Amino acid sequence: MDATEQEEFAEFTRGRWTALTAFAHSLVHDVGRAEDLVQEALVRLWKVWPKLRTEQPEAYIRRILVNLAISSGRRRWWGERATAKMPDIAVDGPGGQVEDRDIMRRALAGLSARQRVVVVLRYAHDLPETEVAELLGCSVGTVKTHASRGLEALRSSGVLGPDEGPPGGRPDPGERVMAVLPRPRPQSASRRDRGGAA
């Protein structure tokens, strides 16, 4: 890799670190793990940077992050394990608003890794099915299946009401899923400078 390519990579890393960490954080809900995933993804991107730098490095690294989150996070999401039965849930109003964010987190943790990632990408990040399929390297039909099964599991656990989420024009559960996702903390310059990812 020549000096120009190295500088372009460093600029990409500096410019995208916060957004990539926020994206990874929404998938794994742990700042340290998110930063580790971003660093691993950047190492992988570094290896192919001369080929990808003029194309779509953002799409490539997001796909790496999704794959890393799935492979490293099976049943580890938020450090919780699924339970056989969900606890009773307090709801408010006709939409079945869950008052306790921890219940939604536990319910999401109970989904398979792929279902969880599809539900988060599809409804919390509001990505179209085609983009989720591209990120996961699967067909749109597979995304629809994971989304449908994930939402059905959330309905079965009582976290989503029977009228929430597709198919059939049901209200979108995105706000409910997004409400439990972590909000990334602003990263201090000293953390980035200490050997983050460039």
N, C-alpha and C. Protein backbone atom coordinates (compact mmCIF):
# COMPACT_ATOMS: atom_id res chain seq x y z
N MET A 1 0.85 -1.17 0.00
CA MET A 1 0.00 0.00 0.00
C MET A 1 0.90 1.23 0.00
N ASP A 2 0.60 2.16 -0.91
CA ASP A 2 1.44 3.36 -0.98
C ASP A 2 0.98 4.41 0.04
N ALA A 3 1.74 5.49 0.14
CA ALA A 3 1.48 6.53 1.14
C ALA A 3 0.12 7.20 0.94
N THR A 4 -0.28 7.39 -0.30
CA THR A 4 -1.58 8.01 -0.58
C THR A 4 -2.71 7.11 -0.08
N GLU A 5 -2.61 5.82 -0.36
CA GLU A 5 -3.63 4.88 0.10
C GLU A 5 -3.67 4.81 1.62
N GLN A 6 -2.51 4.85 2.25
CA GLN A 6 -2.46 4.83 3.71
C GLN A 6 -3.14 6.07 4.29
N GLU A 7 -2.90 7.22 3.70
CA GLU A 7 -3.53 8.46 4.18
C GLU A 7 -5.04 8.42 3.95
N GLU A 8 -5.47 7.89 2.80
CA GLU A 8 -6.91 7.78 2.53
C GLU A 8 -7.57 6.86 3.56
N PHE A 9 -6.90 5.77 3.90
CA PHE A 9 -7.44 4.85 4.90
C PHE A 9 -7.53 5.53 6.26
N ALA A 10 -6.48 6.25 6.63
CA ALA A 10 -6.48 6.96 7.92
C ALA A 10 -7.59 8.00 7.95
N GLU A 11 -7.81 8.70 6.85
CA GLU A 11 -8.87 9.69 6.78
C GLU A 11 -10.25 9.02 6.89
N PHE A 12 -10.43 7.90 6.19
CA PHE A 12 -11.68 7.15 6.28
C PHE A 12 -11.93 6.73 7.73
N THR A 13 -10.90 6.22 8.38
CA THR A 13 -11.03 5.76 9.77
C THR A 13 -11.39 6.91 10.70
N ARG A 14 -10.69 8.02 10.57
CA ARG A 14 -10.99 9.18 11.43
C ARG A 14 -12.41 9.69 11.18
N GLY A 15 -12.79 9.74 9.93
CA GLY A 15 -14.10 10.28 9.57
C GLY A 15 -15.27 9.38 9.90
N ARG A 16 -15.05 8.07 9.93
CA ARG A 16 -16.15 7.12 10.10
C ARG A 16 -16.14 6.39 11.43
N TRP A 17 -15.12 6.59 12.27
CA TRP A 17 -14.99 5.84 13.53
C TRP A 17 -16.25 5.94 14.39
N THR A 18 -16.72 7.14 14.64
CA THR A 18 -17.87 7.34 15.53
C THR A 18 -19.12 6.68 14.96
N ALA A 19 -19.39 6.87 13.68
CA ALA A 19 -20.58 6.28 13.07
C ALA A 19 -20.49 4.75 13.05
N LEU A 20 -19.32 4.22 12.74
CA LEU A 20 -19.16 2.77 12.72
C LEU A 20 -19.30 2.18 14.12
N THR A 21 -18.76 2.88 15.12
CA THR A 21 -18.88 2.40 16.49
C THR A 21 -20.33 2.45 16.94
N ALA A 22 -21.05 3.50 16.57
CA ALA A 22 -22.48 3.59 16.92
C ALA A 22 -23.26 2.46 16.26
N PHE A 23 -22.94 2.17 15.00
CA PHE A 23 -23.61 1.07 14.29
C PHE A 23 -23.33 -0.26 14.99
N ALA A 24 -22.07 -0.53 15.28
CA ALA A 24 -21.70 -1.78 15.97
C ALA A 24 -22.32 -1.82 17.36
N HIS A 25 -22.36 -0.69 18.04
CA HIS A 25 -22.93 -0.61 19.38
C HIS A 25 -24.41 -0.99 19.37
N SER A 26 -25.13 -0.58 18.33
CA SER A 26 -26.55 -0.94 18.23
C SER A 26 -26.74 -2.44 18.03
N LEU A 27 -25.73 -3.10 17.51
CA LEU A 27 -25.83 -4.54 17.28
C LEU A 27 -25.43 -5.36 18.51
N VAL A 28 -24.48 -4.86 19.31
CA VAL A 28 -23.97 -5.66 20.44
C VAL A 28 -24.23 -5.04 21.80
N HIS A 29 -24.65 -3.78 21.85
CA HIS A 29 -25.03 -3.08 23.09
C HIS A 29 -23.94 -3.07 24.14
N ASP A 30 -22.71 -2.97 23.71
CA ASP A 30 -21.59 -2.90 24.64
C ASP A 30 -20.51 -2.07 23.96
N VAL A 31 -20.13 -0.97 24.59
CA VAL A 31 -19.18 -0.05 23.98
C VAL A 31 -17.85 -0.73 23.68
N GLY A 32 -17.32 -1.46 24.65
CA GLY A 32 -16.04 -2.14 24.45
C GLY A 32 -16.08 -3.15 23.33
N ARG A 33 -17.13 -3.98 23.31
CA ARG A 33 -17.26 -4.96 22.22
C ARG A 33 -17.44 -4.27 20.89
N ALA A 34 -18.22 -3.17 20.87
CA ALA A 34 -18.44 -2.44 19.62
C ALA A 34 -17.11 -1.90 19.08
N GLU A 35 -16.31 -1.31 19.96
CA GLU A 35 -15.02 -0.80 19.52
C GLU A 35 -14.11 -1.92 19.05
N ASP A 36 -14.15 -3.06 19.73
CA ASP A 36 -13.36 -4.22 19.29
C ASP A 36 -13.80 -4.67 17.90
N LEU A 37 -15.12 -4.72 17.68
CA LEU A 37 -15.62 -5.14 16.37
C LEU A 37 -15.19 -4.16 15.28
N VAL A 38 -15.27 -2.87 15.58
CA VAL A 38 -14.85 -1.87 14.59
C VAL A 38 -13.37 -2.01 14.29
N GLN A 39 -12.56 -2.21 15.31
CA GLN A 39 -11.13 -2.38 15.07
C GLN A 39 -10.85 -3.63 14.23
N GLU A 40 -11.52 -4.72 14.54
CA GLU A 40 -11.35 -5.95 13.75
C GLU A 40 -11.80 -5.72 12.31
N ALA A 41 -12.92 -5.04 12.14
CA ALA A 41 -13.41 -4.75 10.79
C ALA A 41 -12.44 -3.84 10.03
N LEU A 42 -11.86 -2.88 10.72
CA LEU A 42 -10.89 -1.99 10.07
C LEU A 42 -9.62 -2.74 9.67
N VAL A 43 -9.20 -3.70 10.48
CA VAL A 43 -8.05 -4.53 10.10
C VAL A 43 -8.36 -5.29 8.82
N ARG A 44 -9.56 -5.85 8.75
CA ARG A 44 -9.95 -6.58 7.54
C ARG A 44 -10.07 -5.65 6.33
N LEU A 45 -10.61 -4.45 6.57
CA LEU A 45 -10.71 -3.48 5.48
C LEU A 45 -9.33 -3.04 5.01
N TRP A 46 -8.40 -2.87 5.94
CA TRP A 46 -7.03 -2.47 5.61
C TRP A 46 -6.41 -3.42 4.60
N LYS A 47 -6.69 -4.71 4.77
CA LYS A 47 -6.09 -5.73 3.90
C LYS A 47 -6.56 -5.60 2.45
N VAL A 48 -7.76 -5.07 2.25
CA VAL A 48 -8.30 -4.96 0.88
C VAL A 48 -8.47 -3.51 0.44
N TRP A 49 -7.97 -2.58 1.25
CA TRP A 49 -8.17 -1.15 0.96
C TRP A 49 -7.73 -0.75 -0.45
N PRO A 50 -6.57 -1.17 -0.94
CA PRO A 50 -6.17 -0.74 -2.29
C PRO A 50 -7.22 -1.10 -3.35
N LYS A 51 -7.93 -2.19 -3.17
CA LYS A 51 -8.95 -2.60 -4.14
C LYS A 51 -10.27 -1.87 -3.91
N LEU A 52 -10.62 -1.60 -2.65
CA LEU A 52 -11.94 -1.07 -2.31
C LEU A 52 -12.01 0.43 -2.15
N ARG A 53 -10.90 1.10 -1.97
CA ARG A 53 -10.91 2.51 -1.57
C ARG A 53 -11.72 3.40 -2.49
N THR A 54 -11.78 3.08 -3.78
CA THR A 54 -12.53 3.91 -4.71
C THR A 54 -13.95 3.40 -4.92
N GLU A 55 -14.28 2.29 -4.32
CA GLU A 55 -15.62 1.73 -4.50
C GLU A 55 -16.51 2.10 -3.31
N GLN A 56 -16.94 1.11 -2.54
CA GLN A 56 -17.85 1.36 -1.43
C GLN A 56 -17.30 0.78 -0.14
N PRO A 57 -16.29 1.41 0.44
CA PRO A 57 -15.73 0.86 1.68
C PRO A 57 -16.74 0.87 2.83
N GLU A 58 -17.66 1.83 2.83
CA GLU A 58 -18.67 1.91 3.91
C GLU A 58 -19.57 0.67 3.90
N ALA A 59 -20.06 0.30 2.74
CA ALA A 59 -20.91 -0.89 2.65
C ALA A 59 -20.14 -2.14 3.04
N TYR A 60 -18.90 -2.21 2.60
CA TYR A 60 -18.07 -3.37 2.89
C TYR A 60 -17.83 -3.51 4.39
N ILE A 61 -17.49 -2.42 5.06
CA ILE A 61 -17.17 -2.51 6.49
C ILE A 61 -18.43 -2.76 7.31
N ARG A 62 -19.57 -2.24 6.88
CA ARG A 62 -20.83 -2.53 7.60
C ARG A 62 -21.17 -4.01 7.50
N ARG A 63 -20.92 -4.58 6.34
CA ARG A 63 -21.17 -6.02 6.19
C ARG A 63 -20.24 -6.81 7.11
N ILE A 64 -18.99 -6.41 7.18
CA ILE A 64 -18.05 -7.07 8.09
C ILE A 64 -18.56 -6.96 9.52
N LEU A 65 -19.01 -5.76 9.91
CA LEU A 65 -19.50 -5.55 11.28
C LEU A 65 -20.71 -6.43 11.59
N VAL A 66 -21.62 -6.53 10.65
CA VAL A 66 -22.80 -7.38 10.86
C VAL A 66 -22.37 -8.83 11.05
N ASN A 67 -21.48 -9.30 10.18
CA ASN A 67 -21.01 -10.69 10.29
C ASN A 67 -20.26 -10.93 11.60
N LEU A 68 -19.42 -9.99 12.00
CA LEU A 68 -18.70 -10.13 13.27
C LEU A 68 -19.67 -10.12 14.45
N ALA A 69 -20.66 -9.25 14.39
CA ALA A 69 -21.65 -9.19 15.48
C ALA A 69 -22.41 -10.50 15.60
N ILE A 70 -22.77 -11.08 14.47
CA ILE A 70 -23.50 -12.35 14.50
C ILE A 70 -22.61 -13.46 15.03
N SER A 71 -21.40 -13.56 14.50
CA SER A 71 -20.54 -14.68 14.90
C SER A 71 -20.04 -14.55 16.33
N SER A 72 -19.80 -13.33 16.79
CA SER A 72 -19.27 -13.18 18.15
C SER A 72 -20.36 -13.02 19.19
N GLY A 73 -21.57 -12.75 18.76
CA GLY A 73 -22.59 -12.42 19.74
C GLY A 73 -23.70 -13.42 19.93
N ARG A 74 -23.55 -14.61 19.42
CA ARG A 74 -24.61 -15.58 19.62
C ARG A 74 -24.86 -15.78 21.11
N ARG A 75 -26.06 -15.46 21.52
CA ARG A 75 -26.52 -15.62 22.90
C ARG A 75 -25.68 -14.84 23.92
N ARG A 76 -24.92 -13.84 23.46
CA ARG A 76 -24.16 -13.01 24.39
C ARG A 76 -24.67 -11.59 24.41
N TRP A 77 -25.71 -11.30 23.68
CA TRP A 77 -26.18 -9.94 23.56
C TRP A 77 -26.53 -9.41 24.93
N TRP A 78 -25.91 -8.32 25.34
CA TRP A 78 -26.09 -7.69 26.64
C TRP A 78 -25.76 -8.65 27.76
N GLY A 79 -25.01 -9.70 27.47
CA GLY A 79 -24.59 -10.63 28.51
C GLY A 79 -25.73 -11.40 29.12
N GLU A 80 -26.80 -11.60 28.39
CA GLU A 80 -27.96 -12.27 28.95
C GLU A 80 -28.23 -13.57 28.22
N ARG A 81 -28.95 -14.41 28.87
CA ARG A 81 -29.38 -15.69 28.30
C ARG A 81 -30.90 -15.66 28.15
N ALA A 82 -31.37 -16.34 27.13
CA ALA A 82 -32.81 -16.43 26.94
C ALA A 82 -33.42 -17.30 28.03
N THR A 83 -34.65 -17.00 28.39
CA THR A 83 -35.36 -17.82 29.37
C THR A 83 -36.51 -18.51 28.67
N ALA A 84 -37.00 -19.57 29.26
CA ALA A 84 -38.09 -20.33 28.66
C ALA A 84 -39.38 -19.53 28.67
N LYS A 85 -39.60 -18.72 29.68
CA LYS A 85 -40.85 -17.97 29.80
C LYS A 85 -40.53 -16.52 30.13
N MET A 86 -41.18 -15.62 29.43
CA MET A 86 -41.00 -14.20 29.69
C MET A 86 -41.78 -13.80 30.94
N PRO A 87 -41.27 -12.84 31.70
CA PRO A 87 -42.01 -12.36 32.86
C PRO A 87 -43.25 -11.59 32.43
N ASP A 88 -44.18 -11.39 33.36
CA ASP A 88 -45.35 -10.57 33.06
C ASP A 88 -44.90 -9.17 32.68
N ILE A 89 -45.61 -8.57 31.76
CA ILE A 89 -45.20 -7.28 31.22
C ILE A 89 -46.27 -6.25 31.51
N ALA A 90 -45.86 -5.09 31.98
CA ALA A 90 -46.79 -3.98 32.16
C ALA A 90 -46.95 -3.28 30.82
N VAL A 91 -48.19 -3.12 30.38
CA VAL A 91 -48.45 -2.45 29.12
C VAL A 91 -49.32 -1.23 29.36
N ASP A 92 -49.28 -0.32 28.42
CA ASP A 92 -50.01 0.91 28.56
C ASP A 92 -50.67 1.24 27.24
N GLY A 93 -51.96 1.25 27.19
CA GLY A 93 -52.69 1.66 26.01
C GLY A 93 -52.85 0.58 24.97
N PRO A 94 -53.55 0.92 23.87
CA PRO A 94 -53.87 -0.08 22.86
C PRO A 94 -52.67 -0.61 22.11
N GLY A 95 -51.60 0.15 22.01
CA GLY A 95 -50.41 -0.31 21.29
C GLY A 95 -49.56 -1.26 22.11
N GLY A 96 -49.91 -1.51 23.35
CA GLY A 96 -49.14 -2.42 24.18
C GLY A 96 -47.74 -1.90 24.45
N GLN A 97 -47.61 -0.63 24.77
CA GLN A 97 -46.29 -0.04 25.00
C GLN A 97 -45.61 -0.70 26.19
N VAL A 98 -44.48 -1.26 25.97
CA VAL A 98 -43.73 -1.88 27.06
C VAL A 98 -43.06 -0.79 27.87
N GLU A 99 -43.31 -0.79 29.16
CA GLU A 99 -42.75 0.26 30.01
C GLU A 99 -41.33 -0.07 30.45
N ASP A 100 -41.00 -1.31 30.49
CA ASP A 100 -39.69 -1.70 30.99
C ASP A 100 -38.78 -2.07 29.83
N ARG A 101 -37.80 -1.21 29.57
CA ARG A 101 -36.87 -1.47 28.46
C ARG A 101 -36.11 -2.77 28.64
N ASP A 102 -35.85 -3.16 29.87
CA ASP A 102 -35.12 -4.40 30.11
C ASP A 102 -35.87 -5.61 29.58
N ILE A 103 -37.19 -5.56 29.62
CA ILE A 103 -37.98 -6.68 29.11
C ILE A 103 -37.77 -6.82 27.60
N MET A 104 -37.77 -5.70 26.89
CA MET A 104 -37.52 -5.75 25.44
C MET A 104 -36.11 -6.24 25.18
N ARG A 105 -35.15 -5.79 25.96
CA ARG A 105 -33.77 -6.27 25.78
C ARG A 105 -33.69 -7.77 25.96
N ARG A 106 -34.33 -8.28 27.00
CA ARG A 106 -34.30 -9.73 27.23
C ARG A 106 -35.00 -10.47 26.09
N ALA A 107 -36.08 -9.91 25.61
CA ALA A 107 -36.79 -10.55 24.50
C ALA A 107 -35.92 -10.57 23.24
N LEU A 108 -35.25 -9.47 22.95
CA LEU A 108 -34.35 -9.44 21.80
C LEU A 108 -33.19 -10.41 22.00
N ALA A 109 -32.71 -10.51 23.23
CA ALA A 109 -31.62 -11.45 23.52
C ALA A 109 -32.06 -12.89 23.30
N GLY A 110 -33.35 -13.15 23.41
CA GLY A 110 -33.88 -14.50 23.21
C GLY A 110 -34.00 -14.91 21.76
N LEU A 111 -33.86 -13.95 20.85
CA LEU A 111 -33.92 -14.28 19.43
C LEU A 111 -32.60 -14.90 18.99
N SER A 112 -32.64 -15.61 17.88
CA SER A 112 -31.38 -16.10 17.32
C SER A 112 -30.55 -14.88 16.90
N ALA A 113 -29.26 -15.07 16.75
CA ALA A 113 -28.38 -13.95 16.39
C ALA A 113 -28.82 -13.30 15.09
N ARG A 114 -29.16 -14.09 14.09
CA ARG A 114 -29.59 -13.53 12.80
C ARG A 114 -30.92 -12.81 12.91
N GLN A 115 -31.88 -13.41 13.64
CA GLN A 115 -33.17 -12.74 13.81
C GLN A 115 -32.98 -11.40 14.50
N ARG A 116 -32.16 -11.38 15.54
CA ARG A 116 -31.92 -10.15 16.29
C ARG A 116 -31.30 -9.08 15.39
N VAL A 117 -30.28 -9.45 14.62
CA VAL A 117 -29.63 -8.49 13.74
C VAL A 117 -30.61 -7.99 12.68
N VAL A 118 -31.40 -8.88 12.10
CA VAL A 118 -32.38 -8.47 11.09
C VAL A 118 -33.40 -7.51 11.70
N VAL A 119 -33.93 -7.84 12.86
CA VAL A 119 -34.93 -6.97 13.51
C VAL A 119 -34.32 -5.60 13.80
N VAL A 120 -33.11 -5.57 14.33
CA VAL A 120 -32.46 -4.28 14.64
C VAL A 120 -32.19 -3.49 13.37
N LEU A 121 -31.62 -4.13 12.36
CA LEU A 121 -31.30 -3.41 11.12
C LEU A 121 -32.57 -2.96 10.40
N ARG A 122 -33.55 -3.84 10.35
CA ARG A 122 -34.77 -3.57 9.60
C ARG A 122 -35.65 -2.52 10.27
N TYR A 123 -35.86 -2.66 11.57
CA TYR A 123 -36.84 -1.80 12.23
C TYR A 123 -36.22 -0.67 13.04
N ALA A 124 -35.09 -0.87 13.66
CA ALA A 124 -34.46 0.21 14.42
C ALA A 124 -33.66 1.14 13.51
N HIS A 125 -32.93 0.55 12.55
CA HIS A 125 -32.15 1.37 11.62
C HIS A 125 -32.94 1.70 10.36
N ASP A 126 -34.13 1.11 10.22
CA ASP A 126 -35.04 1.39 9.11
C ASP A 126 -34.40 1.13 7.75
N LEU A 127 -33.59 0.08 7.68
CA LEU A 127 -32.98 -0.28 6.40
C LEU A 127 -33.97 -1.09 5.57
N PRO A 128 -33.99 -0.90 4.27
CA PRO A 128 -34.86 -1.72 3.42
C PRO A 128 -34.37 -3.17 3.40
N GLU A 129 -35.29 -4.07 3.10
CA GLU A 129 -34.96 -5.50 3.08
C GLU A 129 -33.79 -5.80 2.15
N THR A 130 -33.73 -5.10 1.02
CA THR A 130 -32.64 -5.36 0.06
C THR A 130 -31.28 -5.01 0.66
N GLU A 131 -31.22 -3.92 1.42
CA GLU A 131 -29.95 -3.52 2.03
C GLU A 131 -29.55 -4.47 3.16
N VAL A 132 -30.53 -4.91 3.94
CA VAL A 132 -30.24 -5.89 5.00
C VAL A 132 -29.74 -7.18 4.37
N ALA A 133 -30.38 -7.60 3.27
CA ALA A 133 -29.95 -8.82 2.58
C ALA A 133 -28.52 -8.68 2.08
N GLU A 134 -28.19 -7.52 1.55
CA GLU A 134 -26.83 -7.29 1.07
C GLU A 134 -25.82 -7.33 2.22
N LEU A 135 -26.17 -6.70 3.35
CA LEU A 135 -25.28 -6.71 4.51
C LEU A 135 -25.04 -8.12 5.04
N LEU A 136 -26.10 -8.93 5.03
CA LEU A 136 -25.99 -10.29 5.56
C LEU A 136 -25.50 -11.29 4.52
N GLY A 137 -25.48 -10.89 3.26
CA GLY A 137 -25.06 -11.82 2.21
C GLY A 137 -26.06 -12.93 2.00
N CYS A 138 -27.35 -12.57 2.04
CA CYS A 138 -28.40 -13.58 1.86
C CYS A 138 -29.48 -12.99 0.96
N SER A 139 -30.51 -13.77 0.70
CA SER A 139 -31.59 -13.30 -0.16
C SER A 139 -32.57 -12.44 0.63
N VAL A 140 -33.36 -11.66 -0.11
CA VAL A 140 -34.40 -10.85 0.51
C VAL A 140 -35.41 -11.76 1.21
N GLY A 141 -35.68 -12.91 0.62
CA GLY A 141 -36.61 -13.86 1.24
C GLY A 141 -36.12 -14.33 2.60
N THR A 142 -34.82 -14.54 2.73
CA THR A 142 -34.25 -14.95 4.02
C THR A 142 -34.40 -13.83 5.04
N VAL A 143 -34.19 -12.59 4.62
CA VAL A 143 -34.39 -11.44 5.52
C VAL A 143 -35.84 -11.39 5.98
N LYS A 144 -36.77 -11.57 5.04
CA LYS A 144 -38.19 -11.55 5.40
C LYS A 144 -38.52 -12.66 6.39
N THR A 145 -37.94 -13.83 6.18
CA THR A 145 -38.18 -14.95 7.09
C THR A 145 -37.66 -14.64 8.49
N HIS A 146 -36.42 -14.15 8.58
CA HIS A 146 -35.85 -13.82 9.90
C HIS A 146 -36.65 -12.70 10.57
N ALA A 147 -37.05 -11.69 9.80
CA ALA A 147 -37.84 -10.59 10.37
C ALA A 147 -39.18 -11.11 10.88
N SER A 148 -39.84 -11.91 10.06
CA SER A 148 -41.15 -12.44 10.44
C SER A 148 -41.06 -13.32 11.69
N ARG A 149 -40.09 -14.21 11.70
CA ARG A 149 -39.92 -15.09 12.87
C ARG A 149 -39.50 -14.32 14.11
N GLY A 150 -38.63 -13.33 13.93
CA GLY A 150 -38.21 -12.51 15.06
C GLY A 150 -39.37 -11.73 15.65
N LEU A 151 -40.16 -11.10 14.78
CA LEU A 151 -41.32 -10.34 15.27
C LEU A 151 -42.35 -11.27 15.91
N GLU A 152 -42.54 -12.44 15.33
CA GLU A 152 -43.49 -13.39 15.91
C GLU A 152 -43.03 -13.83 17.30
N ALA A 153 -41.72 -14.06 17.45
CA ALA A 153 -41.20 -14.43 18.77
C ALA A 153 -41.40 -13.29 19.77
N LEU A 154 -41.22 -12.06 19.32
CA LEU A 154 -41.46 -10.91 20.21
C LEU A 154 -42.94 -10.80 20.57
N ARG A 155 -43.81 -11.09 19.61
CA ARG A 155 -45.25 -11.10 19.91
C ARG A 155 -45.60 -12.23 20.87
N SER A 156 -45.05 -13.41 20.62
CA SER A 156 -45.34 -14.58 21.47
C SER A 156 -44.89 -14.35 22.91
N SER A 157 -43.80 -13.62 23.07
CA SER A 157 -43.30 -13.35 24.42
C SER A 157 -44.11 -12.26 25.11
N GLY A 158 -44.97 -11.59 24.35
CA GLY A 158 -45.80 -10.55 24.92
C GLY A 158 -45.17 -9.17 24.87
N VAL A 159 -43.98 -9.07 24.32
CA VAL A 159 -43.29 -7.78 24.26
C VAL A 159 -43.93 -6.87 23.21
N LEU A 160 -44.30 -7.44 22.07
CA LEU A 160 -45.04 -6.69 21.06
C LEU A 160 -46.48 -7.16 21.12
N GLY A 161 -47.38 -6.23 20.92
CA GLY A 161 -48.79 -6.59 20.87
C GLY A 161 -49.09 -7.36 19.59
N PRO A 162 -50.22 -8.05 19.54
CA PRO A 162 -50.56 -8.84 18.36
C PRO A 162 -50.75 -7.99 17.11
N ASP A 163 -50.97 -6.69 17.29
CA ASP A 163 -51.18 -5.82 16.14
C ASP A 163 -49.93 -5.04 15.74
N GLU A 164 -48.78 -5.36 16.32
CA GLU A 164 -47.56 -4.60 16.01
C GLU A 164 -46.65 -5.35 15.06
N GLY A 165 -46.12 -4.63 14.11
CA GLY A 165 -45.13 -5.17 13.19
C GLY A 165 -45.75 -5.80 11.97
N PRO A 166 -45.05 -5.75 10.83
CA PRO A 166 -45.52 -6.38 9.60
C PRO A 166 -45.69 -7.87 9.82
N PRO A 167 -46.33 -8.64 9.01
CA PRO A 167 -46.96 -8.27 7.76
C PRO A 167 -48.38 -7.74 7.94
N GLY A 168 -49.02 -7.40 6.82
CA GLY A 168 -50.42 -7.03 6.84
C GLY A 168 -50.69 -5.60 7.29
N GLY A 169 -49.74 -4.70 7.12
CA GLY A 169 -49.98 -3.31 7.45
C GLY A 169 -50.02 -3.01 8.93
N ARG A 170 -49.48 -3.87 9.74
CA ARG A 170 -49.44 -3.61 11.18
C ARG A 170 -48.50 -2.44 11.46
N PRO A 171 -48.70 -1.76 12.58
CA PRO A 171 -47.79 -0.67 12.92
C PRO A 171 -46.35 -1.16 13.03
N ASP A 172 -45.43 -0.32 12.62
CA ASP A 172 -44.00 -0.67 12.64
C ASP A 172 -43.47 -0.67 14.07
N PRO A 173 -42.75 -1.73 14.47
CA PRO A 173 -42.21 -1.79 15.83
C PRO A 173 -40.88 -1.05 15.99
N GLY A 174 -40.46 -0.31 14.97
CA GLY A 174 -39.14 0.32 15.00
C GLY A 174 -38.88 1.20 16.19
N GLU A 175 -39.86 2.04 16.56
CA GLU A 175 -39.64 2.92 17.72
C GLU A 175 -39.45 2.12 18.99
N ARG A 176 -40.18 1.02 19.11
CA ARG A 176 -40.08 0.19 20.32
C ARG A 176 -38.72 -0.49 20.38
N VAL A 177 -38.25 -1.00 19.23
CA VAL A 177 -36.94 -1.65 19.20
C VAL A 177 -35.86 -0.61 19.40
N MET A 178 -35.98 0.53 18.73
CA MET A 178 -34.97 1.59 18.83
C MET A 178 -34.85 2.10 20.26
N ALA A 179 -35.95 2.10 21.00
CA ALA A 179 -35.94 2.63 22.37
C ALA A 179 -35.00 1.86 23.29
N VAL A 180 -34.72 0.61 22.97
CA VAL A 180 -33.85 -0.18 23.85
C VAL A 180 -32.41 -0.19 23.39
N LEU A 181 -32.15 0.36 22.21
CA LEU A 181 -30.78 0.36 21.72
C LEU A 181 -29.97 1.41 22.47
N PRO A 182 -28.71 1.12 22.68
CA PRO A 182 -27.87 2.06 23.40
C PRO A 182 -27.61 3.31 22.57
N ARG A 183 -27.47 4.39 23.23
CA ARG A 183 -27.06 5.62 22.59
C ARG A 183 -25.56 5.73 22.78
N PRO A 184 -24.79 5.76 21.69
CA PRO A 184 -23.34 5.78 21.85
C PRO A 184 -22.89 7.04 22.57
N ARG A 185 -21.95 6.84 23.45
CA ARG A 185 -21.35 7.97 24.15
C ARG A 185 -20.36 8.64 23.22
N PRO A 186 -20.28 9.96 23.27
CA PRO A 186 -19.26 10.62 22.44
C PRO A 186 -17.89 10.12 22.84
N GLN A 187 -17.09 9.88 21.84
CA GLN A 187 -15.76 9.34 22.09
C GLN A 187 -14.78 10.47 22.31
N SER A 188 -14.01 10.37 23.34
CA SER A 188 -13.02 11.41 23.61
C SER A 188 -11.86 11.29 22.63
N ALA A 189 -11.24 12.41 22.38
CA ALA A 189 -10.09 12.41 21.45
C ALA A 189 -8.98 11.52 21.97
N SER A 190 -8.81 11.47 23.29
CA SER A 190 -7.72 10.66 23.83
C SER A 190 -7.93 9.18 23.54
N ARG A 191 -9.17 8.71 23.54
CA ARG A 191 -9.45 7.30 23.23
C ARG A 191 -9.08 7.00 21.78
N ARG A 192 -9.46 7.92 20.88
CA ARG A 192 -9.14 7.71 19.47
C ARG A 192 -7.64 7.73 19.25
N ASP A 193 -6.96 8.63 19.94
CA ASP A 193 -5.52 8.79 19.74
C ASP A 193 -4.71 7.66 20.33
N ARG A 194 -5.27 6.92 21.29
CA ARG A 194 -4.53 5.87 21.98
C ARG A 194 -4.32 4.63 21.14
N GLY A 195 -4.62 4.64 19.93
CA GLY A 195 -4.37 3.44 19.15
C GLY A 195 -5.66 2.82 18.74
N GLY A 196 -6.71 3.63 18.67
CA GLY A 196 -7.98 3.15 18.18
C GLY A 196 -7.80 2.28 16.97
N ALA A 197 -7.94 2.82 15.79
CA ALA A 197 -8.04 1.95 14.65
C ALA A 197 -7.17 2.32 13.48
N ALA A 198 -6.48 3.38 13.46
CA ALA A 198 -5.71 3.73 12.27
C ALA A 198 -4.37 3.23 12.39
